[in-house]
Amino acid sequence: MLFRSIAAFPLAGAYVLAHQPRSALPILERLRQHDSGDGSRALICGLLMQAYQQLGRTESAAAIVESLEREMPNDVDALMIIAEAKDKAGDREAALSAYDLARSLAHGSHKDLITLAIGDLHLRHGMYGDAATAYAGIVDSSAKTPVTNRYLFALIR
């Protein structure tokens, strides 16, 4: 069966990236129903939320976010998805709160990815000083990288 196949999640992700949510939905809904216990539940929910958003089903997408908040309040991946959804909905403070909690729970390079997301959120909202502060913790000033470029852009704004 497709929903048990190792290819199901990447296939659904490809459909979402290709803006073919109608093809992704049945796969993602089955994957969500049959939790494999491998820690992928939040990622499945994130793709499902994106598919709903692409279809204009905002209430269904919001229900996914609410379920993540209720069922996985201390899961780093779930908190990242919640933060992205809150930012997209225009609630920057709730997004920052979710990102901050995710960063406090994360370890290793995952913490850096969350810091990058926080800097990007500030940059999108024109909060250049806050963006520069966030990027400063992860930038390698001796190398020209996308993070270095964002950091410098935020500094000079």
C-alpha atoms as a PDB file:
ATOM      1  CA  MET A   1       0.000   0.000   0.000  1.00  0.00           C
ATOM      2  CA  LEU A   2       1.249   3.458  -0.931  1.00  0.00           C
ATOM      3  CA  PHE A   3       0.820   5.100   2.490  1.00  0.00           C
ATOM      4  CA  ARG A   4       3.185   2.552   4.022  1.00  0.00           C
ATOM      5  CA  SER A   5       5.767   2.975   1.304  1.00  0.00           C
ATOM      6  CA  ILE A   6       8.977   4.791   2.106  1.00  0.00           C
ATOM      7  CA  ALA A   7       8.334   6.864  -1.030  1.00  0.00           C
ATOM      8  CA  ALA A   8       4.956   8.198   0.123  1.00  0.00           C
ATOM      9  CA  PHE A   9       6.222  11.198   2.109  1.00  0.00           C
ATOM     10  CA  PRO A  10       8.714  12.430  -0.533  1.00  0.00           C
ATOM     11  CA  LEU A  11       6.079  11.930  -3.223  1.00  0.00           C
ATOM     12  CA  ALA A  12       3.563  14.010  -1.280  1.00  0.00           C
ATOM     13  CA  GLY A  13       6.235  16.657  -0.699  1.00  0.00           C
ATOM     14  CA  ALA A  14       6.965  16.787  -4.425  1.00  0.00           C
ATOM     15  CA  TYR A  15       3.265  17.256  -5.147  1.00  0.00           C
ATOM     16  CA  VAL A  16       3.061  20.144  -2.666  1.00  0.00           C
ATOM     17  CA  LEU A  17       6.203  21.780  -4.094  1.00  0.00           C
ATOM     18  CA  ALA A  18       4.746  21.411  -7.599  1.00  0.00           C
ATOM     19  CA  HIS A  19       1.500  23.044  -6.391  1.00  0.00           C
ATOM     20  CA  GLN A  20      -0.505  19.866  -6.966  1.00  0.00           C
ATOM     21  CA  PRO A  21      -2.212  19.672  -3.574  1.00  0.00           C
ATOM     22  CA  ARG A  22      -5.082  17.495  -4.807  1.00  0.00           C
ATOM     23  CA  SER A  23      -2.555  14.761  -5.546  1.00  0.00           C
ATOM     24  CA  ALA A  24      -0.799  15.248  -2.196  1.00  0.00           C
ATOM     25  CA  LEU A  25      -3.876  15.286   0.063  1.00  0.00           C
ATOM     26  CA  PRO A  26      -4.866  11.599  -0.051  1.00  0.00           C
ATOM     27  CA  ILE A  27      -1.286  10.536   0.605  1.00  0.00           C
ATOM     28  CA  LEU A  28      -0.786  12.979   3.472  1.00  0.00           C
ATOM     29  CA  GLU A  29      -4.133  12.240   5.082  1.00  0.00           C
ATOM     30  CA  ARG A  30      -3.322   8.524   5.109  1.00  0.00           C
ATOM     31  CA  LEU A  31       0.181   9.141   6.435  1.00  0.00           C
ATOM     32  CA  ARG A  32      -1.295  11.265   9.217  1.00  0.00           C
ATOM     33  CA  GLN A  33      -3.788   8.540  10.166  1.00  0.00           C
ATOM     34  CA  HIS A  34      -1.085   5.864  10.318  1.00  0.00           C
ATOM     35  CA  ASP A  35       1.534   7.466  12.530  1.00  0.00           C
ATOM     36  CA  SER A  36       4.689   5.405  12.159  1.00  0.00           C
ATOM     37  CA  GLY A  37       6.166   6.655  15.416  1.00  0.00           C
ATOM     38  CA  ASP A  38       9.341   7.755  13.650  1.00  0.00           C
ATOM     39  CA  GLY A  39       8.995  11.427  14.540  1.00  0.00           C
ATOM     40  CA  SER A  40       7.670  12.440  11.131  1.00  0.00           C
ATOM     41  CA  ARG A  41       4.189  13.400  12.333  1.00  0.00           C
ATOM     42  CA  ALA A  42       4.950  17.122  12.550  1.00  0.00           C
ATOM     43  CA  LEU A  43       6.496  17.126   9.088  1.00  0.00           C
ATOM     44  CA  ILE A  44       3.486  15.300   7.654  1.00  0.00           C
ATOM     45  CA  CYS A  45       1.199  17.851   9.305  1.00  0.00           C
ATOM     46  CA  GLY A  46       3.307  20.688   7.902  1.00  0.00           C
ATOM     47  CA  LEU A  47       2.939  19.395   4.350  1.00  0.00           C
ATOM     48  CA  LEU A  48      -0.758  18.755   4.905  1.00  0.00           C
ATOM     49  CA  MET A  49      -1.184  22.325   6.118  1.00  0.00           C
ATOM     50  CA  GLN A  50       0.587  23.646   2.999  1.00  0.00           C
ATOM     51  CA  ALA A  51      -1.630  21.532   0.745  1.00  0.00           C
ATOM     52  CA  TYR A  52      -4.746  22.893   2.460  1.00  0.00           C
ATOM     53  CA  GLN A  53      -3.425  26.440   2.087  1.00  0.00           C
ATOM     54  CA  GLN A  54      -2.780  25.899  -1.611  1.00  0.00           C
ATOM     55  CA  LEU A  55      -6.391  24.790  -1.999  1.00  0.00           C
ATOM     56  CA  GLY A  56      -7.647  27.826  -0.069  1.00  0.00           C
ATOM     57  CA  ARG A  57      -8.882  25.629   2.771  1.00  0.00           C
ATOM     58  CA  THR A  58      -7.729  28.026   5.487  1.00  0.00           C
ATOM     59  CA  GLU A  59      -9.928  26.498   8.199  1.00  0.00           C
ATOM     60  CA  SER A  60      -8.442  23.050   7.578  1.00  0.00           C
ATOM     61  CA  ALA A  61      -4.925  24.517   7.644  1.00  0.00           C
ATOM     62  CA  ALA A  62      -5.699  26.352  10.899  1.00  0.00           C
ATOM     63  CA  ALA A  63      -7.040  23.111  12.409  1.00  0.00           C
ATOM     64  CA  ILE A  64      -3.685  21.451  11.663  1.00  0.00           C
ATOM     65  CA  VAL A  65      -1.853  24.244  13.492  1.00  0.00           C
ATOM     66  CA  GLU A  66      -4.231  23.949  16.449  1.00  0.00           C
ATOM     67  CA  SER A  67      -3.703  20.198  16.609  1.00  0.00           C
ATOM     68  CA  LEU A  68       0.080  20.657  16.603  1.00  0.00           C
ATOM     69  CA  GLU A  69      -0.185  23.223  19.398  1.00  0.00           C
ATOM     70  CA  ARG A  70      -2.361  20.881  21.438  1.00  0.00           C
ATOM     71  CA  GLU A  71      -0.711  17.522  20.715  1.00  0.00           C
ATOM     72  CA  MET A  72       2.961  18.451  20.222  1.00  0.00           C
ATOM     73  CA  PRO A  73       3.598  21.613  22.281  1.00  0.00           C
ATOM     74  CA  ASN A  74       7.269  20.791  22.899  1.00  0.00           C
ATOM     75  CA  ASP A  75       8.227  19.262  19.556  1.00  0.00           C
ATOM     76  CA  VAL A  76      10.822  21.406  17.773  1.00  0.00           C
ATOM     77  CA  ASP A  77       9.599  20.542  14.268  1.00  0.00           C
ATOM     78  CA  ALA A  78       5.974  21.197  15.242  1.00  0.00           C
ATOM     79  CA  LEU A  79       6.931  24.536  16.793  1.00  0.00           C
ATOM     80  CA  MET A  80       8.730  25.546  13.587  1.00  0.00           C
ATOM     81  CA  ILE A  81       5.612  24.764  11.560  1.00  0.00           C
ATOM     82  CA  ILE A  82       3.447  26.636  14.059  1.00  0.00           C
ATOM     83  CA  ALA A  83       5.769  29.649  13.896  1.00  0.00           C
ATOM     84  CA  GLU A  84       5.702  29.716  10.099  1.00  0.00           C
ATOM     85  CA  ALA A  85       1.910  29.465  10.080  1.00  0.00           C
ATOM     86  CA  LYS A  86       1.530  32.223  12.682  1.00  0.00           C
ATOM     87  CA  ASP A  87       3.833  34.495  10.687  1.00  0.00           C
ATOM     88  CA  LYS A  88       1.944  33.786   7.479  1.00  0.00           C
ATOM     89  CA  ALA A  89      -1.300  34.639   9.309  1.00  0.00           C
ATOM     90  CA  GLY A  90       0.195  37.985  10.355  1.00  0.00           C
ATOM     91  CA  ASP A  91       0.785  37.166  14.018  1.00  0.00           C
ATOM     92  CA  ARG A  92       4.491  38.007  14.297  1.00  0.00           C
ATOM     93  CA  GLU A  93       4.538  37.913  18.095  1.00  0.00           C
ATOM     94  CA  ALA A  94       3.048  34.405  18.241  1.00  0.00           C
ATOM     95  CA  ALA A  95       5.521  33.324  15.565  1.00  0.00           C
ATOM     96  CA  LEU A  96       8.453  34.681  17.573  1.00  0.00           C
ATOM     97  CA  SER A  97       7.152  33.000  20.699  1.00  0.00           C
ATOM     98  CA  ALA A  98       6.980  29.618  18.933  1.00  0.00           C
ATOM     99  CA  TYR A  99      10.441  30.120  17.431  1.00  0.00           C
ATOM    100  CA  ASP A 100      11.893  31.084  20.818  1.00  0.00           C
ATOM    101  CA  LEU A 101      10.443  27.986  22.454  1.00  0.00           C
ATOM    102  CA  ALA A 102      11.713  25.808  19.601  1.00  0.00           C
ATOM    103  CA  ARG A 103      15.196  27.303  19.930  1.00  0.00           C
ATOM    104  CA  SER A 104      15.213  26.679  23.689  1.00  0.00           C
ATOM    105  CA  LEU A 105      14.396  23.005  23.078  1.00  0.00           C
ATOM    106  CA  ALA A 106      16.662  22.437  20.073  1.00  0.00           C
ATOM    107  CA  HIS A 107      20.179  21.045  20.049  1.00  0.00           C
ATOM    108  CA  GLY A 108      23.171  21.403  17.765  1.00  0.00           C
ATOM    109  CA  SER A 109      22.702  22.698  14.235  1.00  0.00           C
ATOM    110  CA  HIS A 110      18.925  22.603  14.625  1.00  0.00           C
ATOM    111  CA  LYS A 111      19.306  25.557  16.986  1.00  0.00           C
ATOM    112  CA  ASP A 112      21.182  27.456  14.247  1.00  0.00           C
ATOM    113  CA  LEU A 113      18.419  26.767  11.715  1.00  0.00           C
ATOM    114  CA  ILE A 114      15.865  28.195  14.113  1.00  0.00           C
ATOM    115  CA  THR A 115      18.055  31.244  14.728  1.00  0.00           C
ATOM    116  CA  LEU A 116      18.244  31.725  10.959  1.00  0.00           C
ATOM    117  CA  ALA A 117      14.445  31.508  10.725  1.00  0.00           C
ATOM    118  CA  ILE A 118      14.120  34.126  13.477  1.00  0.00           C
ATOM    119  CA  GLY A 119      16.508  36.449  11.651  1.00  0.00           C
ATOM    120  CA  ASP A 120      14.578  35.928   8.419  1.00  0.00           C
ATOM    121  CA  LEU A 121      11.292  36.712  10.169  1.00  0.00           C
ATOM    122  CA  HIS A 122      12.707  39.985  11.482  1.00  0.00           C
ATOM    123  CA  LEU A 123      14.112  40.820   8.047  1.00  0.00           C
ATOM    124  CA  ARG A 124      10.745  40.197   6.335  1.00  0.00           C
ATOM    125  CA  HIS A 125       9.092  42.554   8.809  1.00  0.00           C
ATOM    126  CA  GLY A 126      11.685  45.307   8.362  1.00  0.00           C
ATOM    127  CA  MET A 127      13.129  44.871  11.848  1.00  0.00           C
ATOM    128  CA  TYR A 128      16.711  45.131  10.669  1.00  0.00           C
ATOM    129  CA  GLY A 129      18.389  45.587  14.033  1.00  0.00           C
ATOM    130  CA  ASP A 130      16.673  42.497  15.432  1.00  0.00           C
ATOM    131  CA  ALA A 131      17.562  40.572  12.269  1.00  0.00           C
ATOM    132  CA  ALA A 132      21.225  41.565  12.555  1.00  0.00           C
ATOM    133  CA  THR A 133      21.255  40.532  16.224  1.00  0.00           C
ATOM    134  CA  ALA A 134      19.803  37.121  15.369  1.00  0.00           C
ATOM    135  CA  TYR A 135      22.183  36.547  12.455  1.00  0.00           C
ATOM    136  CA  ALA A 136      25.207  37.678  14.495  1.00  0.00           C
ATOM    137  CA  GLY A 137      25.039  34.482  16.525  1.00  0.00           C
ATOM    138  CA  ILE A 138      25.409  32.230  13.484  1.00  0.00           C
ATOM    139  CA  VAL A 139      27.282  34.267  10.886  1.00  0.00           C
ATOM    140  CA  ASP A 140      30.808  33.348   9.813  1.00  0.00           C
ATOM    141  CA  SER A 141      32.257  36.749   9.002  1.00  0.00           C
ATOM    142  CA  SER A 142      35.289  35.175   7.334  1.00  0.00           C
ATOM    143  CA  ALA A 143      33.191  33.562   4.596  1.00  0.00           C
ATOM    144  CA  LYS A 144      30.815  34.966   2.023  1.00  0.00           C
ATOM    145  CA  THR A 145      27.616  32.983   2.567  1.00  0.00           C
ATOM    146  CA  PRO A 146      23.902  33.744   2.226  1.00  0.00           C
ATOM    147  CA  VAL A 147      23.732  34.232   6.012  1.00  0.00           C
ATOM    148  CA  THR A 148      26.643  36.676   5.883  1.00  0.00           C
ATOM    149  CA  ASN A 149      24.883  38.593   3.112  1.00  0.00           C
ATOM    150  CA  ARG A 150      21.634  38.778   5.128  1.00  0.00           C
ATOM    151  CA  TYR A 151      23.571  39.864   8.193  1.00  0.00           C
ATOM    152  CA  LEU A 152      25.359  42.645   6.300  1.00  0.00           C
ATOM    153  CA  PHE A 153      22.130  43.748   4.629  1.00  0.00           C
ATOM    154  CA  ALA A 154      20.404  43.971   8.014  1.00  0.00           C
ATOM    155  CA  LEU A 155      23.343  45.872   9.499  1.00  0.00           C
ATOM    156  CA  ILE A 156      23.371  48.604   6.865  1.00  0.00           C
ATOM    157  CA  ARG A 157      19.617  49.165   6.763  1.00  0.00           C
END
